[in-house]
PDB file of N, CA and C in Angstrom:
ATOM      1  N   MET A   1       0.842  -1.188   0.000  1.00  0.00           N
ATOM      2  CA  MET A   1       0.000   0.000   0.000  1.00  0.00           C
ATOM      3  C   MET A   1       0.882   1.246   0.000  1.00  0.00           C
ATOM      4  N   THR A   2       0.519   2.235  -0.764  1.00  0.00           N
ATOM      5  CA  THR A   2       1.227   3.504  -0.752  1.00  0.00           C
ATOM      6  C   THR A   2       0.286   4.569  -0.228  1.00  0.00           C
ATOM      7  N   ASP A   3       0.801   5.780  -0.064  1.00  0.00           N
ATOM      8  CA  ASP A   3      -0.074   6.862   0.405  1.00  0.00           C
ATOM      9  C   ASP A   3      -1.008   7.316  -0.697  1.00  0.00           C
ATOM     10  N   ASP A   4      -0.847   6.801  -1.900  1.00  0.00           N
ATOM     11  CA  ASP A   4      -1.709   7.164  -3.012  1.00  0.00           C
ATOM     12  C   ASP A   4      -2.734   6.073  -3.322  1.00  0.00           C
ATOM     13  N   GLY A   5      -2.856   5.084  -2.460  1.00  0.00           N
ATOM     14  CA  GLY A   5      -3.824   4.020  -2.671  1.00  0.00           C
ATOM     15  C   GLY A   5      -3.126   2.686  -2.764  1.00  0.00           C
ATOM     16  N   PRO A   6      -3.762   1.721  -3.467  1.00  0.00           N
ATOM     17  CA  PRO A   6      -3.163   0.398  -3.580  1.00  0.00           C
ATOM     18  C   PRO A   6      -1.845   0.472  -4.351  1.00  0.00           C
ATOM     19  N   LEU A   7      -1.091  -0.623  -4.292  1.00  0.00           N
ATOM     20  CA  LEU A   7       0.173  -0.663  -5.019  1.00  0.00           C
ATOM     21  C   LEU A   7      -0.044  -0.254  -6.464  1.00  0.00           C
ATOM     22  N   LEU A   8       0.833   0.597  -6.935  1.00  0.00           N
ATOM     23  CA  LEU A   8       0.681   1.164  -8.267  1.00  0.00           C
ATOM     24  C   LEU A   8       1.499   0.378  -9.278  1.00  0.00           C
ATOM     25  N   GLY A   9       1.026   0.392 -10.514  1.00  0.00           N
ATOM     26  CA  GLY A   9       1.762  -0.236 -11.598  1.00  0.00           C
ATOM     27  C   GLY A   9       2.948   0.628 -11.998  1.00  0.00           C
ATOM     28  N   ARG A  10       3.766   0.079 -12.862  1.00  0.00           N
ATOM     29  CA  ARG A  10       4.976   0.772 -13.309  1.00  0.00           C
ATOM     30  C   ARG A  10       4.667   2.136 -13.923  1.00  0.00           C
ATOM     31  N   ARG A  11       3.667   2.190 -14.792  1.00  0.00           N
ATOM     32  CA  ARG A  11       3.319   3.447 -15.463  1.00  0.00           C
ATOM     33  C   ARG A  11       2.907   4.524 -14.456  1.00  0.00           C
ATOM     34  N   GLU A  12       2.086   4.134 -13.484  1.00  0.00           N
ATOM     35  CA  GLU A  12       1.635   5.087 -12.474  1.00  0.00           C
ATOM     36  C   GLU A  12       2.786   5.556 -11.596  1.00  0.00           C
ATOM     37  N   ARG A  13       3.694   4.642 -11.261  1.00  0.00           N
ATOM     38  CA  ARG A  13       4.861   5.018 -10.457  1.00  0.00           C
ATOM     39  C   ARG A  13       5.751   5.997 -11.221  1.00  0.00           C
ATOM     40  N   ARG A  14       5.907   5.767 -12.517  1.00  0.00           N
ATOM     41  CA  ARG A  14       6.720   6.681 -13.339  1.00  0.00           C
ATOM     42  C   ARG A  14       6.071   8.063 -13.421  1.00  0.00           C
ATOM     43  N   LYS A  15       4.741   8.092 -13.551  1.00  0.00           N
ATOM     44  CA  LYS A  15       4.038   9.372 -13.598  1.00  0.00           C
ATOM     45  C   LYS A  15       4.206  10.129 -12.282  1.00  0.00           C
ATOM     46  N   LEU A  16       4.076   9.419 -11.173  1.00  0.00           N
ATOM     47  CA  LEU A  16       4.262  10.066  -9.872  1.00  0.00           C
ATOM     48  C   LEU A  16       5.690  10.560  -9.712  1.00  0.00           C
ATOM     49  N   ALA A  17       6.654   9.782 -10.173  1.00  0.00           N
ATOM     50  CA  ALA A  17       8.059  10.185 -10.076  1.00  0.00           C
ATOM     51  C   ALA A  17       8.323  11.427 -10.922  1.00  0.00           C
ATOM     52  N   THR A  18       7.738  11.479 -12.106  1.00  0.00           N
ATOM     53  CA  THR A  18       7.901  12.653 -12.971  1.00  0.00           C
ATOM     54  C   THR A  18       7.264  13.872 -12.343  1.00  0.00           C
ATOM     55  N   ARG A  19       6.059  13.709 -11.822  1.00  0.00           N
ATOM     56  CA  ARG A  19       5.370  14.829 -11.157  1.00  0.00           C
ATOM     57  C   ARG A  19       6.197  15.340  -9.981  1.00  0.00           C
ATOM     58  N   HIS A  20       6.732  14.423  -9.198  1.00  0.00           N
ATOM     59  CA  HIS A  20       7.546  14.810  -8.048  1.00  0.00           C
ATOM     60  C   HIS A  20       8.833  15.504  -8.510  1.00  0.00           C
ATOM     61  N   ALA A  21       9.469  14.990  -9.556  1.00  0.00           N
ATOM     62  CA  ALA A  21      10.707  15.603 -10.069  1.00  0.00           C
ATOM     63  C   ALA A  21      10.446  17.032 -10.536  1.00  0.00           C
ATOM     64  N   LEU A  22       9.341  17.246 -11.230  1.00  0.00           N
ATOM     65  CA  LEU A  22       8.998  18.591 -11.697  1.00  0.00           C
ATOM     66  C   LEU A  22       8.726  19.532 -10.526  1.00  0.00           C
ATOM     67  N   SER A  23       7.944  19.066  -9.585  1.00  0.00           N
ATOM     68  CA  SER A  23       7.614  19.899  -8.433  1.00  0.00           C
ATOM     69  C   SER A  23       8.859  20.205  -7.607  1.00  0.00           C
ATOM     70  N   SER A  24       9.688  19.220  -7.420  1.00  0.00           N
ATOM     71  CA  SER A  24      10.918  19.397  -6.666  1.00  0.00           C
ATOM     72  C   SER A  24      11.856  20.378  -7.371  1.00  0.00           C
ATOM     73  N   ALA A  25      11.981  20.239  -8.682  1.00  0.00           N
ATOM     74  CA  ALA A  25      12.818  21.155  -9.461  1.00  0.00           C
ATOM     75  C   ALA A  25      12.284  22.579  -9.360  1.00  0.00           C
ATOM     76  N   ALA A  26      10.979  22.744  -9.455  1.00  0.00           N
ATOM     77  CA  ALA A  26      10.372  24.072  -9.371  1.00  0.00           C
ATOM     78  C   ALA A  26      10.646  24.711  -8.016  1.00  0.00           C
ATOM     79  N   LEU A  27      10.480  23.948  -6.976  1.00  0.00           N
ATOM     80  CA  LEU A  27      10.713  24.470  -5.628  1.00  0.00           C
ATOM     81  C   LEU A  27      12.186  24.819  -5.412  1.00  0.00           C
ATOM     82  N   GLN A  28      13.085  23.934  -5.839  1.00  0.00           N
ATOM     83  CA  GLN A  28      14.523  24.205  -5.692  1.00  0.00           C
ATOM     84  C   GLN A  28      14.926  25.478  -6.435  1.00  0.00           C
ATOM     85  N   LEU A  29      14.457  25.603  -7.667  1.00  0.00           N
ATOM     86  CA  LEU A  29      14.798  26.794  -8.454  1.00  0.00           C
ATOM     87  C   LEU A  29      14.242  28.070  -7.827  1.00  0.00           C
ATOM     88  N   ALA A  30      13.036  28.001  -7.316  1.00  0.00           N
ATOM     89  CA  ALA A  30      12.434  29.175  -6.673  1.00  0.00           C
ATOM     90  C   ALA A  30      13.238  29.593  -5.449  1.00  0.00           C
ATOM     91  N   VAL A  31      13.713  28.628  -4.689  1.00  0.00           N
ATOM     92  CA  VAL A  31      14.532  28.935  -3.517  1.00  0.00           C
ATOM     93  C   VAL A  31      15.877  29.522  -3.955  1.00  0.00           C
ATOM     94  N   GLU A  32      16.480  28.945  -4.985  1.00  0.00           N
ATOM     95  CA  GLU A  32      17.787  29.405  -5.456  1.00  0.00           C
ATOM     96  C   GLU A  32      17.738  30.793  -6.097  1.00  0.00           C
ATOM     97  N   ARG A  33      16.733  31.028  -6.945  1.00  0.00           N
ATOM     98  CA  ARG A  33      16.719  32.224  -7.787  1.00  0.00           C
ATOM     99  C   ARG A  33      15.662  33.260  -7.417  1.00  0.00           C
ATOM    100  N   GLY A  34      14.671  32.847  -6.658  1.00  0.00           N
ATOM    101  CA  GLY A  34      13.505  33.693  -6.427  1.00  0.00           C
ATOM    102  C   GLY A  34      12.442  33.329  -7.448  1.00  0.00           C
ATOM    103  N   LEU A  35      11.221  33.303  -7.026  1.00  0.00           N
ATOM    104  CA  LEU A  35      10.111  32.848  -7.860  1.00  0.00           C
ATOM    105  C   LEU A  35      10.016  33.585  -9.186  1.00  0.00           C
ATOM    106  N   GLU A  36      10.189  34.883  -9.161  1.00  0.00           N
ATOM    107  CA  GLU A  36      10.040  35.673 -10.386  1.00  0.00           C
ATOM    108  C   GLU A  36      11.138  35.388 -11.400  1.00  0.00           C
ATOM    109  N   ASN A  37      12.222  34.740 -10.988  1.00  0.00           N
ATOM    110  CA  ASN A  37      13.340  34.444 -11.880  1.00  0.00           C
ATOM    111  C   ASN A  37      13.358  33.001 -12.366  1.00  0.00           C
ATOM    112  N   VAL A  38      12.247  32.316 -12.234  1.00  0.00           N
ATOM    113  CA  VAL A  38      12.141  30.923 -12.668  1.00  0.00           C
ATOM    114  C   VAL A  38      11.110  30.836 -13.783  1.00  0.00           C
ATOM    115  N   THR A  39      11.485  30.145 -14.855  1.00  0.00           N
ATOM    116  CA  THR A  39      10.554  29.899 -15.956  1.00  0.00           C
ATOM    117  C   THR A  39      10.216  28.414 -16.015  1.00  0.00           C
ATOM    118  N   ILE A  40       9.170  28.113 -16.728  1.00  0.00           N
ATOM    119  CA  ILE A  40       8.808  26.708 -16.920  1.00  0.00           C
ATOM    120  C   ILE A  40       9.932  25.982 -17.662  1.00  0.00           C
ATOM    121  N   GLU A  41      10.572  26.672 -18.584  1.00  0.00           N
ATOM    122  CA  GLU A  41      11.686  26.068 -19.314  1.00  0.00           C
ATOM    123  C   GLU A  41      12.831  25.710 -18.370  1.00  0.00           C
ATOM    124  N   ASP A  42      13.086  26.551 -17.364  1.00  0.00           N
ATOM    125  CA  ASP A  42      14.104  26.240 -16.358  1.00  0.00           C
ATOM    126  C   ASP A  42      13.737  24.969 -15.590  1.00  0.00           C
ATOM    127  N   ILE A  43      12.468  24.875 -15.244  1.00  0.00           N
ATOM    128  CA  ILE A  43      11.988  23.718 -14.476  1.00  0.00           C
ATOM    129  C   ILE A  43      12.130  22.444 -15.302  1.00  0.00           C
ATOM    130  N   THR A  44      11.719  22.495 -16.563  1.00  0.00           N
ATOM    131  CA  THR A  44      11.806  21.294 -17.408  1.00  0.00           C
ATOM    132  C   THR A  44      13.257  20.892 -17.645  1.00  0.00           C
ATOM    133  N   ALA A  45      14.138  21.871 -17.772  1.00  0.00           N
ATOM    134  CA  ALA A  45      15.557  21.554 -17.955  1.00  0.00           C
ATOM    135  C   ALA A  45      16.118  20.878 -16.702  1.00  0.00           C
ATOM    136  N   ARG A  46      15.771  21.401 -15.536  1.00  0.00           N
ATOM    137  CA  ARG A  46      16.266  20.811 -14.283  1.00  0.00           C
ATOM    138  C   ARG A  46      15.735  19.389 -14.098  1.00  0.00           C
ATOM    139  N   ALA A  47      14.475  19.171 -14.471  1.00  0.00           N
ATOM    140  CA  ALA A  47      13.865  17.845 -14.315  1.00  0.00           C
ATOM    141  C   ALA A  47      14.163  16.926 -15.496  1.00  0.00           C
ATOM    142  N   ASP A  48      14.772  17.466 -16.547  1.00  0.00           N
ATOM    143  CA  ASP A  48      15.127  16.720 -17.756  1.00  0.00           C
ATOM    144  C   ASP A  48      13.899  16.105 -18.430  1.00  0.00           C
ATOM    145  N   VAL A  49      12.885  16.951 -18.620  1.00  0.00           N
ATOM    146  CA  VAL A  49      11.678  16.546 -19.344  1.00  0.00           C
ATOM    147  C   VAL A  49      11.306  17.641 -20.340  1.00  0.00           C
ATOM    148  N   SER A  50      10.375  17.331 -21.209  1.00  0.00           N
ATOM    149  CA  SER A  50       9.939  18.302 -22.214  1.00  0.00           C
ATOM    150  C   SER A  50       8.893  19.257 -21.643  1.00  0.00           C
ATOM    151  N   LEU A  51       8.712  20.368 -22.355  1.00  0.00           N
ATOM    152  CA  LEU A  51       7.670  21.327 -21.988  1.00  0.00           C
ATOM    153  C   LEU A  51       6.299  20.657 -22.041  1.00  0.00           C
ATOM    154  N   ARG A  52       6.100  19.811 -23.017  1.00  0.00           N
ATOM    155  CA  ARG A  52       4.827  19.089 -23.141  1.00  0.00           C
ATOM    156  C   ARG A  52       4.571  18.216 -21.907  1.00  0.00           C
ATOM    157  N   THR A  53       5.620  17.566 -21.430  1.00  0.00           N
ATOM    158  CA  THR A  53       5.469  16.741 -20.222  1.00  0.00           C
ATOM    159  C   THR A  53       5.067  17.612 -19.041  1.00  0.00           C
ATOM    160  N   PHE A  54       5.714  18.771 -18.905  1.00  0.00           N
ATOM    161  CA  PHE A  54       5.338  19.687 -17.826  1.00  0.00           C
ATOM    162  C   PHE A  54       3.852  20.011 -17.917  1.00  0.00           C
ATOM    163  N   ARG A  55       3.393  20.366 -19.108  1.00  0.00           N
ATOM    164  CA  ARG A  55       1.988  20.760 -19.312  1.00  0.00           C
ATOM    165  C   ARG A  55       1.018  19.603 -19.035  1.00  0.00           C
ATOM    166  N   ASN A  56       1.481  18.373 -19.152  1.00  0.00           N
ATOM    167  CA  ASN A  56       0.634  17.223 -18.822  1.00  0.00           C
ATOM    168  C   ASN A  56       0.356  17.140 -17.323  1.00  0.00           C
ATOM    169  N   PHE A  57       1.242  17.723 -16.537  1.00  0.00           N
ATOM    170  CA  PHE A  57       1.111  17.633 -15.087  1.00  0.00           C
ATOM    171  C   PHE A  57       0.658  18.923 -14.419  1.00  0.00           C
ATOM    172  N   PHE A  58       1.105  20.064 -14.943  1.00  0.00           N
ATOM    173  CA  PHE A  58       0.841  21.336 -14.280  1.00  0.00           C
ATOM    174  C   PHE A  58       0.430  22.412 -15.275  1.00  0.00           C
ATOM    175  N   ALA A  59      -0.392  23.333 -14.811  1.00  0.00           N
ATOM    176  CA  ALA A  59      -0.832  24.451 -15.642  1.00  0.00           C
ATOM    177  C   ALA A  59       0.114  25.643 -15.530  1.00  0.00           C
ATOM    178  N   SER A  60       0.881  25.710 -14.438  1.00  0.00           N
ATOM    179  CA  SER A  60       1.760  26.857 -14.228  1.00  0.00           C
ATOM    180  C   SER A  60       2.906  26.475 -13.305  1.00  0.00           C
ATOM    181  N   LYS A  61       3.899  27.353 -13.251  1.00  0.00           N
ATOM    182  CA  LYS A  61       5.019  27.122 -12.337  1.00  0.00           C
ATOM    183  C   LYS A  61       4.549  27.200 -10.884  1.00  0.00           C
ATOM    184  N   TYR A  62       3.535  27.996 -10.637  1.00  0.00           N
ATOM    185  CA  TYR A  62       3.001  28.135  -9.279  1.00  0.00           C
ATOM    186  C   TYR A  62       2.376  26.820  -8.797  1.00  0.00           C
ATOM    187  N   GLU A  63       1.645  26.192  -9.685  1.00  0.00           N
ATOM    188  CA  GLU A  63       1.040  24.896  -9.350  1.00  0.00           C
ATOM    189  C   GLU A  63       2.124  23.860  -9.085  1.00  0.00           C
ATOM    190  N   ALA A  64       3.166  23.865  -9.901  1.00  0.00           N
ATOM    191  CA  ALA A  64       4.267  22.914  -9.719  1.00  0.00           C
ATOM    192  C   ALA A  64       4.968  23.127  -8.387  1.00  0.00           C
ATOM    193  N   ILE A  65       5.203  24.377  -8.031  1.00  0.00           N
ATOM    194  CA  ILE A  65       5.897  24.694  -6.784  1.00  0.00           C
ATOM    195  C   ILE A  65       5.077  24.237  -5.573  1.00  0.00           C
ATOM    196  N   CYS A  66       3.779  24.351  -5.658  1.00  0.00           N
ATOM    197  CA  CYS A  66       2.899  24.012  -4.530  1.00  0.00           C
ATOM    198  C   CYS A  66       2.521  22.532  -4.450  1.00  0.00           C
ATOM    199  N   ALA A  67       2.817  21.765  -5.470  1.00  0.00           N
ATOM    200  CA  ALA A  67       2.321  20.387  -5.555  1.00  0.00           C
ATOM    201  C   ALA A  67       2.775  19.509  -4.395  1.00  0.00           C
ATOM    202  N   ILE A  68       4.030  19.586  -4.013  1.00  0.00           N
ATOM    203  CA  ILE A  68       4.531  18.735  -2.918  1.00  0.00           C
ATOM    204  C   ILE A  68       3.824  19.078  -1.613  1.00  0.00           C
ATOM    205  N   ALA A  69       3.707  20.370  -1.324  1.00  0.00           N
ATOM    206  CA  ALA A  69       3.041  20.791  -0.081  1.00  0.00           C
ATOM    207  C   ALA A  69       1.561  20.429  -0.093  1.00  0.00           C
ATOM    208  N   ALA A  70       0.916  20.554  -1.250  1.00  0.00           N
ATOM    209  CA  ALA A  70      -0.501  20.209  -1.346  1.00  0.00           C
ATOM    210  C   ALA A  70      -0.702  18.710  -1.128  1.00  0.00           C
ATOM    211  N   HIS A  71       0.172  17.911  -1.697  1.00  0.00           N
ATOM    212  CA  HIS A  71       0.087  16.458  -1.498  1.00  0.00           C
ATOM    213  C   HIS A  71       0.283  16.125  -0.015  1.00  0.00           C
ATOM    214  N   ARG A  72       1.276  16.752   0.587  1.00  0.00           N
ATOM    215  CA  ARG A  72       1.551  16.523   2.005  1.00  0.00           C
ATOM    216  C   ARG A  72       0.331  16.892   2.856  1.00  0.00           C
ATOM    217  N   ALA A  73      -0.278  18.024   2.575  1.00  0.00           N
ATOM    218  CA  ALA A  73      -1.439  18.476   3.349  1.00  0.00           C
ATOM    219  C   ALA A  73      -2.606  17.505   3.194  1.00  0.00           C
ATOM    220  N   ARG A  74      -2.849  17.030   1.961  1.00  0.00           N
ATOM    221  CA  ARG A  74      -3.934  16.057   1.747  1.00  0.00           C
ATOM    222  C   ARG A  74      -3.673  14.770   2.518  1.00  0.00           C
ATOM    223  N   HIS A  75      -2.440  14.304   2.484  1.00  0.00           N
ATOM    224  CA  HIS A  75      -2.086  13.059   3.159  1.00  0.00           C
ATOM    225  C   HIS A  75      -2.249  13.190   4.672  1.00  0.00           C
ATOM    226  N   ILE A  76      -1.755  14.268   5.224  1.00  0.00           N
ATOM    227  CA  ILE A  76      -1.853  14.481   6.670  1.00  0.00           C
ATOM    228  C   ILE A  76      -3.312  14.690   7.078  1.00  0.00           C
ATOM    229  N   GLY A  77      -4.068  15.408   6.266  1.00  0.00           N
ATOM    230  CA  GLY A  77      -5.494  15.596   6.548  1.00  0.00           C
ATOM    231  C   GLY A  77      -6.252  14.279   6.547  1.00  0.00           C
ATOM    232  N   ALA A  78      -5.951  13.425   5.580  1.00  0.00           N
ATOM    233  CA  ALA A  78      -6.610  12.107   5.524  1.00  0.00           C
ATOM    234  C   ALA A  78      -6.249  11.283   6.752  1.00  0.00           C
ATOM    235  N   SER A  79      -5.005  11.361   7.167  1.00  0.00           N
ATOM    236  CA  SER A  79      -4.569  10.633   8.356  1.00  0.00           C
ATOM    237  C   SER A  79      -5.292  11.139   9.601  1.00  0.00           C
ATOM    238  N   LEU A  80      -5.480  12.444   9.699  1.00  0.00           N
ATOM    239  CA  LEU A  80      -6.205  13.004  10.839  1.00  0.00           C
ATOM    240  C   LEU A  80      -7.658  12.541  10.863  1.00  0.00           C
ATOM    241  N   LEU A  81      -8.268  12.460   9.689  1.00  0.00           N
ATOM    242  CA  LEU A  81      -9.662  12.013   9.621  1.00  0.00           C
ATOM    243  C   LEU A  81      -9.836  10.561  10.058  1.00  0.00           C
ATOM    244  N   GLU A  82      -8.794   9.762   9.921  1.00  0.00           N
ATOM    245  CA  GLU A  82      -8.863   8.351  10.307  1.00  0.00           C
ATOM    246  C   GLU A  82      -8.710   8.154  11.815  1.00  0.00           C
ATOM    247  N   ARG A  83      -8.225   9.145  12.506  1.00  0.00           N
ATOM    248  CA  ARG A  83      -7.980   9.008  13.937  1.00  0.00           C
ATOM    249  C   ARG A  83      -9.275   9.232  14.724  1.00  0.00           C
ATOM    250  N   PRO A  84      -9.368   8.611  15.903  1.00  0.00           N
ATOM    251  CA  PRO A  84     -10.582   8.788  16.717  1.00  0.00           C
ATOM    252  C   PRO A  84     -10.749  10.240  17.164  1.00  0.00           C
ATOM    253  N   ALA A  85     -11.969  10.720  17.088  1.00  0.00           N
ATOM    254  CA  ALA A  85     -12.264  12.107  17.473  1.00  0.00           C
ATOM    255  C   ALA A  85     -12.139  12.312  18.983  1.00  0.00           C
ATOM    256  N   SER A  86     -12.170  11.233  19.744  1.00  0.00           N
ATOM    257  CA  SER A  86     -12.130  11.358  21.201  1.00  0.00           C
ATOM    258  C   SER A  86     -10.732  11.645  21.743  1.00  0.00           C
ATOM    259  N   GLY A  87      -9.691  11.432  20.926  1.00  0.00           N
ATOM    260  CA  GLY A  87      -8.317  11.653  21.394  1.00  0.00           C
ATOM    261  C   GLY A  87      -7.950  13.124  21.387  1.00  0.00           C
ATOM    262  N   PRO A  88      -6.864  13.470  22.089  1.00  0.00           N
ATOM    263  CA  PRO A  88      -6.397  14.859  22.118  1.00  0.00           C
ATOM    264  C   PRO A  88      -5.971  15.322  20.714  1.00  0.00           C
ATOM    265  N   LEU A  89      -6.406  16.501  20.324  1.00  0.00           N
ATOM    266  CA  LEU A  89      -6.121  17.027  18.990  1.00  0.00           C
ATOM    267  C   LEU A  89      -4.620  17.155  18.747  1.00  0.00           C
ATOM    268  N   TRP A  90      -3.897  17.701  19.723  1.00  0.00           N
ATOM    269  CA  TRP A  90      -2.463  17.911  19.525  1.00  0.00           C
ATOM    270  C   TRP A  90      -1.748  16.584  19.251  1.00  0.00           C
ATOM    271  N   ASP A  91      -2.080  15.546  20.005  1.00  0.00           N
ATOM    272  CA  ASP A  91      -1.467  14.231  19.790  1.00  0.00           C
ATOM    273  C   ASP A  91      -1.790  13.704  18.398  1.00  0.00           C
ATOM    274  N   ALA A  92      -3.018  13.899  17.955  1.00  0.00           N
ATOM    275  CA  ALA A  92      -3.419  13.441  16.621  1.00  0.00           C
ATOM    276  C   ALA A  92      -2.619  14.156  15.539  1.00  0.00           C
ATOM    277  N   ILE A  93      -2.435  15.463  15.698  1.00  0.00           N
ATOM    278  CA  ILE A  93      -1.673  16.244  14.713  1.00  0.00           C
ATOM    279  C   ILE A  93      -0.219  15.796  14.681  1.00  0.00           C
ATOM    280  N   VAL A  94       0.397  15.675  15.840  1.00  0.00           N
ATOM    281  CA  VAL A  94       1.802  15.264  15.916  1.00  0.00           C
ATOM    282  C   VAL A  94       1.977  13.883  15.298  1.00  0.00           C
ATOM    283  N   ASN A  95       1.111  12.951  15.655  1.00  0.00           N
ATOM    284  CA  ASN A  95       1.224  11.588  15.131  1.00  0.00           C
ATOM    285  C   ASN A  95       1.008  11.526  13.625  1.00  0.00           C
ATOM    286  N   ALA A  96       0.072  12.303  13.110  1.00  0.00           N
ATOM    287  CA  ALA A  96      -0.176  12.327  11.665  1.00  0.00           C
ATOM    288  C   ALA A  96       1.040  12.889  10.924  1.00  0.00           C
ATOM    289  N   MET A  97       1.636  13.935  11.464  1.00  0.00           N
ATOM    290  CA  MET A  97       2.833  14.517  10.851  1.00  0.00           C
ATOM    291  C   MET A  97       3.990  13.527  10.880  1.00  0.00           C
ATOM    292  N   LEU A  98       4.241  12.930  12.028  1.00  0.00           N
ATOM    293  CA  LEU A  98       5.334  11.972  12.142  1.00  0.00           C
ATOM    294  C   LEU A  98       5.133  10.783  11.212  1.00  0.00           C
ATOM    295  N   GLU A  99       3.912  10.307  11.135  1.00  0.00           N
ATOM    296  CA  GLU A  99       3.593   9.181  10.254  1.00  0.00           C
ATOM    297  C   GLU A  99       3.911   9.532   8.800  1.00  0.00           C
ATOM    298  N   HIS A 100       3.518  10.722   8.382  1.00  0.00           N
ATOM    299  CA  HIS A 100       3.770  11.144   7.001  1.00  0.00           C
ATOM    300  C   HIS A 100       5.264  11.179   6.708  1.00  0.00           C
ATOM    301  N   TYR A 101       6.041  11.781   7.575  1.00  0.00           N
ATOM    302  CA  TYR A 101       7.468  11.922   7.312  1.00  0.00           C
ATOM    303  C   TYR A 101       8.216  10.600   7.445  1.00  0.00           C
ATOM    304  N   GLN A 102       7.757   9.703   8.313  1.00  0.00           N
ATOM    305  CA  GLN A 102       8.372   8.381   8.397  1.00  0.00           C
ATOM    306  C   GLN A 102       8.098   7.592   7.118  1.00  0.00           C
ATOM    307  N   GLU A 103       6.879   7.678   6.596  1.00  0.00           N
ATOM    308  CA  GLU A 103       6.550   7.006   5.340  1.00  0.00           C
ATOM    309  C   GLU A 103       7.350   7.608   4.199  1.00  0.00           C
ATOM    310  N   ALA A 104       7.487   8.923   4.178  1.00  0.00           N
ATOM    311  CA  ALA A 104       8.241   9.589   3.113  1.00  0.00           C
ATOM    312  C   ALA A 104       9.703   9.149   3.154  1.00  0.00           C
ATOM    313  N   ARG A 105      10.259   9.044   4.323  1.00  0.00           N
ATOM    314  CA  ARG A 105      11.648   8.594   4.461  1.00  0.00           C
ATOM    315  C   ARG A 105      11.780   7.161   3.980  1.00  0.00           C
ATOM    316  N   GLY A 106      10.820   6.315   4.336  1.00  0.00           N
ATOM    317  CA  GLY A 106      10.846   4.918   3.889  1.00  0.00           C
ATOM    318  C   GLY A 106      10.751   4.804   2.381  1.00  0.00           C
ATOM    319  N   MET A 107       9.932   5.655   1.759  1.00  0.00           N
ATOM    320  CA  MET A 107       9.780   5.637   0.296  1.00  0.00           C
ATOM    321  C   MET A 107      11.082   6.041  -0.370  1.00  0.00           C
ATOM    322  N   GLN A 108      11.832   6.978   0.194  1.00  0.00           N
ATOM    323  CA  GLN A 108      13.096   7.415  -0.388  1.00  0.00           C
ATOM    324  C   GLN A 108      14.121   6.299  -0.355  1.00  0.00           C
ATOM    325  N   SER A 109      14.138   5.509   0.698  1.00  0.00           N
ATOM    326  CA  SER A 109      15.133   4.441   0.796  1.00  0.00           C
ATOM    327  C   SER A 109      14.805   3.282  -0.143  1.00  0.00           C
ATOM    328  N   VAL A 110      13.535   3.157  -0.545  1.00  0.00           N
ATOM    329  CA  VAL A 110      13.121   2.096  -1.466  1.00  0.00           C
ATOM    330  C   VAL A 110      13.510   2.434  -2.890  1.00  0.00           C
ATOM    331  N   THR A 111      13.404   3.729  -3.254  1.00  0.00           N
ATOM    332  CA  THR A 111      13.680   4.132  -4.637  1.00  0.00           C
ATOM    333  C   THR A 111      15.132   4.336  -4.907  1.00  0.00           C
TER     334      THR A 111
END
């Protein structure tokens, strides 16, 4: 099981990897150069993909930059919804965050 549902096929894993590479490249470039100094062409060059591939995943550089954080927020939110409402909120938040980052670390060591 992955955080994106059942085990994914090769094609789906490649699509997720490409999406992550683009988003990661966009974020890195924005940090290095400042958002206004980053173009989609810069992002595609850093991720080593075509402009068409970028457009298959994102409508703008802003969407690409936010994709990792948006995915993280959805994952943590889903984890919070699965927890019992009777427990302390702070503990639920901390545990959901830790769970997400432990899974993310595990995924990095697998790839």
